[in-house]
Amino acid sequence: MSDAERPDLVALTALEEVVNRLTGELAGWRRRALAAEHDRTARGATTDAVVGRERMVELESHNSELVKRLDAATERLRAILARLAFLEEQAAQEDVSR
């Protein structure tokens, strides 16, 4: 049996090819990751965090304003419902007195 016909050597050769392809692919991913990291650093790594924090503060403020408006609307609705209940009670008393 020659070396080219041995199944273990054929499998080893196939494995070497797969490892070589994976090594090349990994190197490509690493280059892309390093380039992205460099771009992020060049922009200023804190920029995203600062923008995110500012947006969060803005949204929290807006949310607080909306909660206040909702509370005020709820209070107005309660007043309208109380007035409606009073008017219904008054109308019912007028019906009874007739």
N, C-alpha and C. Protein backbone atom coordinates (compact mmCIF):
# COMPACT_ATOMS: atom_id res chain seq x y z
N MET A 1 0.85 -1.17 0.00
CA MET A 1 0.00 0.00 0.00
C MET A 1 0.90 1.24 0.00
N SER A 2 0.63 2.13 -0.91
CA SER A 2 1.44 3.34 -1.00
C SER A 2 0.90 4.40 -0.04
N ASP A 3 1.72 5.43 0.23
CA ASP A 3 1.31 6.49 1.14
C ASP A 3 0.06 7.22 0.63
N ALA A 4 -0.11 7.37 -0.68
CA ALA A 4 -1.23 8.08 -1.26
C ALA A 4 -2.53 7.31 -1.07
N GLU A 5 -2.45 5.99 -0.87
CA GLU A 5 -3.65 5.17 -0.74
C GLU A 5 -4.07 4.96 0.71
N ARG A 6 -3.25 5.32 1.65
CA ARG A 6 -3.59 5.07 3.05
C ARG A 6 -4.72 6.00 3.48
N PRO A 7 -5.82 5.43 4.03
CA PRO A 7 -6.98 6.24 4.42
C PRO A 7 -6.64 7.28 5.49
N ASP A 8 -5.76 6.96 6.41
CA ASP A 8 -5.42 7.92 7.45
C ASP A 8 -4.68 9.13 6.88
N LEU A 9 -3.86 8.90 5.86
CA LEU A 9 -3.15 10.03 5.24
C LEU A 9 -4.09 10.87 4.38
N VAL A 10 -5.05 10.21 3.73
CA VAL A 10 -6.05 10.95 2.95
C VAL A 10 -6.87 11.83 3.89
N ALA A 11 -7.29 11.27 5.01
CA ALA A 11 -8.07 12.04 6.00
C ALA A 11 -7.24 13.17 6.57
N LEU A 12 -5.98 12.90 6.83
CA LEU A 12 -5.09 13.93 7.38
C LEU A 12 -4.91 15.07 6.37
N THR A 13 -4.77 14.73 5.10
CA THR A 13 -4.63 15.75 4.06
C THR A 13 -5.91 16.60 3.97
N ALA A 14 -7.07 15.94 4.04
CA ALA A 14 -8.35 16.66 4.00
C ALA A 14 -8.48 17.58 5.22
N LEU A 15 -8.07 17.07 6.36
CA LEU A 15 -8.12 17.87 7.58
C LEU A 15 -7.20 19.08 7.48
N GLU A 16 -6.02 18.90 6.93
CA GLU A 16 -5.09 20.02 6.75
C GLU A 16 -5.71 21.10 5.84
N GLU A 17 -6.40 20.67 4.79
CA GLU A 17 -7.04 21.63 3.89
C GLU A 17 -8.13 22.42 4.62
N VAL A 18 -8.93 21.73 5.42
CA VAL A 18 -9.99 22.40 6.18
C VAL A 18 -9.38 23.39 7.16
N VAL A 19 -8.34 22.96 7.87
CA VAL A 19 -7.69 23.84 8.85
C VAL A 19 -7.09 25.06 8.15
N ASN A 20 -6.49 24.87 6.98
CA ASN A 20 -5.91 25.99 6.24
C ASN A 20 -7.01 26.97 5.81
N ARG A 21 -8.14 26.45 5.33
CA ARG A 21 -9.24 27.35 4.93
C ARG A 21 -9.79 28.10 6.13
N LEU A 22 -9.96 27.39 7.23
CA LEU A 22 -10.47 28.04 8.45
C LEU A 22 -9.49 29.08 8.98
N THR A 23 -8.21 28.79 8.89
CA THR A 23 -7.19 29.75 9.32
C THR A 23 -7.27 31.02 8.48
N GLY A 24 -7.43 30.86 7.17
CA GLY A 24 -7.57 32.02 6.29
C GLY A 24 -8.83 32.81 6.60
N GLU A 25 -9.93 32.09 6.83
CA GLU A 25 -11.18 32.77 7.15
C GLU A 25 -11.09 33.50 8.48
N LEU A 26 -10.47 32.87 9.47
CA LEU A 26 -10.28 33.50 10.77
C LEU A 26 -9.42 34.75 10.65
N ALA A 27 -8.38 34.69 9.82
CA ALA A 27 -7.52 35.86 9.61
C ALA A 27 -8.33 37.00 8.99
N GLY A 28 -9.21 36.67 8.06
CA GLY A 28 -10.06 37.70 7.45
C GLY A 28 -10.98 38.35 8.48
N TRP A 29 -11.60 37.52 9.33
CA TRP A 29 -12.48 38.06 10.38
C TRP A 29 -11.69 38.94 11.34
N ARG A 30 -10.48 38.50 11.67
CA ARG A 30 -9.64 39.28 12.59
C ARG A 30 -9.30 40.63 11.97
N ARG A 31 -8.94 40.64 10.69
CA ARG A 31 -8.64 41.92 10.01
C ARG A 31 -9.86 42.84 10.06
N ARG A 32 -11.04 42.29 9.80
CA ARG A 32 -12.26 43.10 9.82
C ARG A 32 -12.55 43.63 11.22
N ALA A 33 -12.35 42.79 12.23
CA ALA A 33 -12.58 43.22 13.61
C ALA A 33 -11.61 44.32 14.01
N LEU A 34 -10.36 44.15 13.65
CA LEU A 34 -9.36 45.18 13.98
C LEU A 34 -9.65 46.49 13.25
N ALA A 35 -10.09 46.39 11.99
CA ALA A 35 -10.43 47.61 11.24
C ALA A 35 -11.63 48.31 11.89
N ALA A 36 -12.63 47.53 12.29
CA ALA A 36 -13.80 48.13 12.94
C ALA A 36 -13.42 48.76 14.27
N GLU A 37 -12.58 48.10 15.02
CA GLU A 37 -12.11 48.65 16.29
C GLU A 37 -11.33 49.94 16.07
N HIS A 38 -10.49 49.95 15.04
CA HIS A 38 -9.73 51.15 14.71
C HIS A 38 -10.67 52.30 14.34
N ASP A 39 -11.69 52.01 13.52
CA ASP A 39 -12.65 53.04 13.13
C ASP A 39 -13.38 53.59 14.35
N ARG A 40 -13.76 52.70 15.24
CA ARG A 40 -14.48 53.12 16.45
C ARG A 40 -13.57 53.99 17.32
N THR A 41 -12.33 53.60 17.45
CA THR A 41 -11.38 54.38 18.25
C THR A 41 -11.13 55.74 17.60
N ALA A 42 -11.05 55.76 16.29
CA ALA A 42 -10.81 57.02 15.58
C ALA A 42 -11.97 57.98 15.77
N ARG A 43 -13.19 57.46 15.83
CA ARG A 43 -14.37 58.30 16.06
C ARG A 43 -14.45 58.78 17.49
N GLY A 44 -13.85 58.05 18.36
CA GLY A 44 -13.92 58.37 19.78
C GLY A 44 -14.82 57.34 20.43
N ALA A 45 -14.25 56.46 21.19
CA ALA A 45 -15.00 55.36 21.78
C ALA A 45 -16.09 55.85 22.70
N THR A 46 -15.87 57.00 23.33
CA THR A 46 -16.87 57.49 24.27
C THR A 46 -18.03 58.17 23.56
N THR A 47 -17.88 58.46 22.29
CA THR A 47 -18.94 59.17 21.57
C THR A 47 -20.25 58.40 21.62
N ASP A 48 -20.21 57.11 21.34
CA ASP A 48 -21.42 56.31 21.36
C ASP A 48 -22.04 56.28 22.76
N ALA A 49 -21.20 56.15 23.77
CA ALA A 49 -21.70 56.09 25.14
C ALA A 49 -22.32 57.43 25.54
N VAL A 50 -21.69 58.52 25.15
CA VAL A 50 -22.21 59.84 25.49
C VAL A 50 -23.53 60.09 24.77
N VAL A 51 -23.58 59.76 23.49
CA VAL A 51 -24.81 59.93 22.72
C VAL A 51 -25.92 59.07 23.32
N GLY A 52 -25.58 57.84 23.68
CA GLY A 52 -26.57 56.94 24.29
C GLY A 52 -27.08 57.49 25.61
N ARG A 53 -26.18 58.02 26.42
CA ARG A 53 -26.57 58.58 27.72
C ARG A 53 -27.45 59.82 27.53
N GLU A 54 -27.07 60.68 26.59
CA GLU A 54 -27.88 61.88 26.32
C GLU A 54 -29.27 61.49 25.85
N ARG A 55 -29.34 60.48 24.98
CA ARG A 55 -30.65 60.02 24.48
C ARG A 55 -31.48 59.45 25.62
N MET A 56 -30.84 58.71 26.52
CA MET A 56 -31.55 58.13 27.65
C MET A 56 -32.10 59.23 28.55
N VAL A 57 -31.30 60.25 28.83
CA VAL A 57 -31.75 61.36 29.67
C VAL A 57 -32.93 62.07 28.99
N GLU A 58 -32.82 62.27 27.68
CA GLU A 58 -33.90 62.91 26.92
C GLU A 58 -35.18 62.07 27.00
N LEU A 59 -35.07 60.78 26.83
CA LEU A 59 -36.24 59.90 26.87
C LEU A 59 -36.84 59.85 28.27
N GLU A 60 -35.99 59.84 29.30
CA GLU A 60 -36.50 59.84 30.67
C GLU A 60 -37.27 61.13 30.96
N SER A 61 -36.75 62.25 30.48
CA SER A 61 -37.43 63.53 30.66
C SER A 61 -38.77 63.53 29.95
N HIS A 62 -38.78 63.04 28.73
CA HIS A 62 -40.02 62.96 27.95
C HIS A 62 -41.02 62.03 28.63
N ASN A 63 -40.52 60.92 29.14
CA ASN A 63 -41.39 59.97 29.84
C ASN A 63 -41.99 60.62 31.08
N SER A 64 -41.18 61.36 31.81
CA SER A 64 -41.67 62.04 33.01
C SER A 64 -42.78 63.04 32.66
N GLU A 65 -42.57 63.78 31.57
CA GLU A 65 -43.58 64.73 31.12
C GLU A 65 -44.87 64.01 30.73
N LEU A 66 -44.75 62.89 30.05
CA LEU A 66 -45.93 62.13 29.65
C LEU A 66 -46.68 61.57 30.85
N VAL A 67 -45.94 61.14 31.87
CA VAL A 67 -46.57 60.63 33.09
C VAL A 67 -47.37 61.75 33.76
N LYS A 68 -46.79 62.95 33.82
CA LYS A 68 -47.51 64.09 34.41
C LYS A 68 -48.77 64.41 33.62
N ARG A 69 -48.66 64.40 32.28
CA ARG A 69 -49.83 64.69 31.44
C ARG A 69 -50.90 63.62 31.63
N LEU A 70 -50.48 62.36 31.73
CA LEU A 70 -51.42 61.26 31.93
C LEU A 70 -52.11 61.38 33.28
N ASP A 71 -51.35 61.74 34.31
CA ASP A 71 -51.95 61.94 35.64
C ASP A 71 -52.98 63.07 35.61
N ALA A 72 -52.65 64.16 34.93
CA ALA A 72 -53.58 65.29 34.83
C ALA A 72 -54.84 64.88 34.06
N ALA A 73 -54.66 64.13 32.96
CA ALA A 73 -55.82 63.68 32.18
C ALA A 73 -56.67 62.72 32.99
N THR A 74 -56.04 61.86 33.78
CA THR A 74 -56.78 60.93 34.63
C THR A 74 -57.60 61.70 35.66
N GLU A 75 -57.00 62.74 36.23
CA GLU A 75 -57.72 63.56 37.22
C GLU A 75 -58.92 64.27 36.58
N ARG A 76 -58.71 64.81 35.36
CA ARG A 76 -59.83 65.46 34.66
C ARG A 76 -60.93 64.46 34.35
N LEU A 77 -60.56 63.25 33.97
CA LEU A 77 -61.54 62.22 33.68
C LEU A 77 -62.32 61.85 34.92
N ARG A 78 -61.65 61.75 36.05
CA ARG A 78 -62.35 61.46 37.32
C ARG A 78 -63.35 62.56 37.65
N ALA A 79 -62.95 63.82 37.41
CA ALA A 79 -63.86 64.94 37.68
C ALA A 79 -65.07 64.87 36.75
N ILE A 80 -64.84 64.55 35.49
CA ILE A 80 -65.96 64.43 34.54
C ILE A 80 -66.88 63.28 34.95
N LEU A 81 -66.30 62.15 35.36
CA LEU A 81 -67.12 61.02 35.78
C LEU A 81 -67.92 61.35 37.04
N ALA A 82 -67.31 62.09 37.96
CA ALA A 82 -68.03 62.49 39.17
C ALA A 82 -69.17 63.42 38.82
N ARG A 83 -68.91 64.34 37.92
CA ARG A 83 -69.97 65.27 37.47
C ARG A 83 -71.09 64.52 36.76
N LEU A 84 -70.72 63.54 35.93
CA LEU A 84 -71.71 62.74 35.22
C LEU A 84 -72.55 61.93 36.21
N ALA A 85 -71.91 61.36 37.21
CA ALA A 85 -72.65 60.61 38.23
C ALA A 85 -73.61 61.53 38.97
N PHE A 86 -73.17 62.75 39.27
CA PHE A 86 -74.03 63.71 39.95
C PHE A 86 -75.25 64.05 39.07
N LEU A 87 -74.99 64.30 37.78
CA LEU A 87 -76.09 64.65 36.88
C LEU A 87 -77.06 63.49 36.71
N GLU A 88 -76.55 62.25 36.64
CA GLU A 88 -77.42 61.09 36.54
C GLU A 88 -78.27 60.94 37.80
N GLU A 89 -77.66 61.18 38.94
CA GLU A 89 -78.38 61.09 40.22
C GLU A 89 -79.46 62.16 40.27
N GLN A 90 -79.14 63.35 39.84
CA GLN A 90 -80.08 64.47 39.82
C GLN A 90 -81.23 64.18 38.86
N ALA A 91 -80.93 63.60 37.69
CA ALA A 91 -81.96 63.26 36.74
C ALA A 91 -82.85 62.17 37.28
N ALA A 92 -82.28 61.21 37.99
CA ALA A 92 -83.07 60.13 38.58
C ALA A 92 -84.00 60.68 39.65
N GLN A 93 -83.54 61.65 40.45
CA GLN A 93 -84.38 62.24 41.48
C GLN A 93 -85.52 63.03 40.86
N GLU A 94 -85.25 63.71 39.75
CA GLU A 94 -86.30 64.46 39.07
C GLU A 94 -87.35 63.52 38.51
N ASP A 95 -86.93 62.35 38.00
CA ASP A 95 -87.88 61.36 37.48
C ASP A 95 -88.75 60.82 38.59
N VAL A 96 -88.17 60.64 39.77
CA VAL A 96 -88.93 60.10 40.91
C VAL A 96 -89.92 61.14 41.41
N SER A 97 -89.55 62.39 41.41
CA SER A 97 -90.42 63.45 41.93
C SER A 97 -91.56 63.77 40.97
N ARG A 98 -91.55 63.35 39.77
CA ARG A 98 -92.63 63.63 38.82
C ARG A 98 -93.76 62.74 38.99
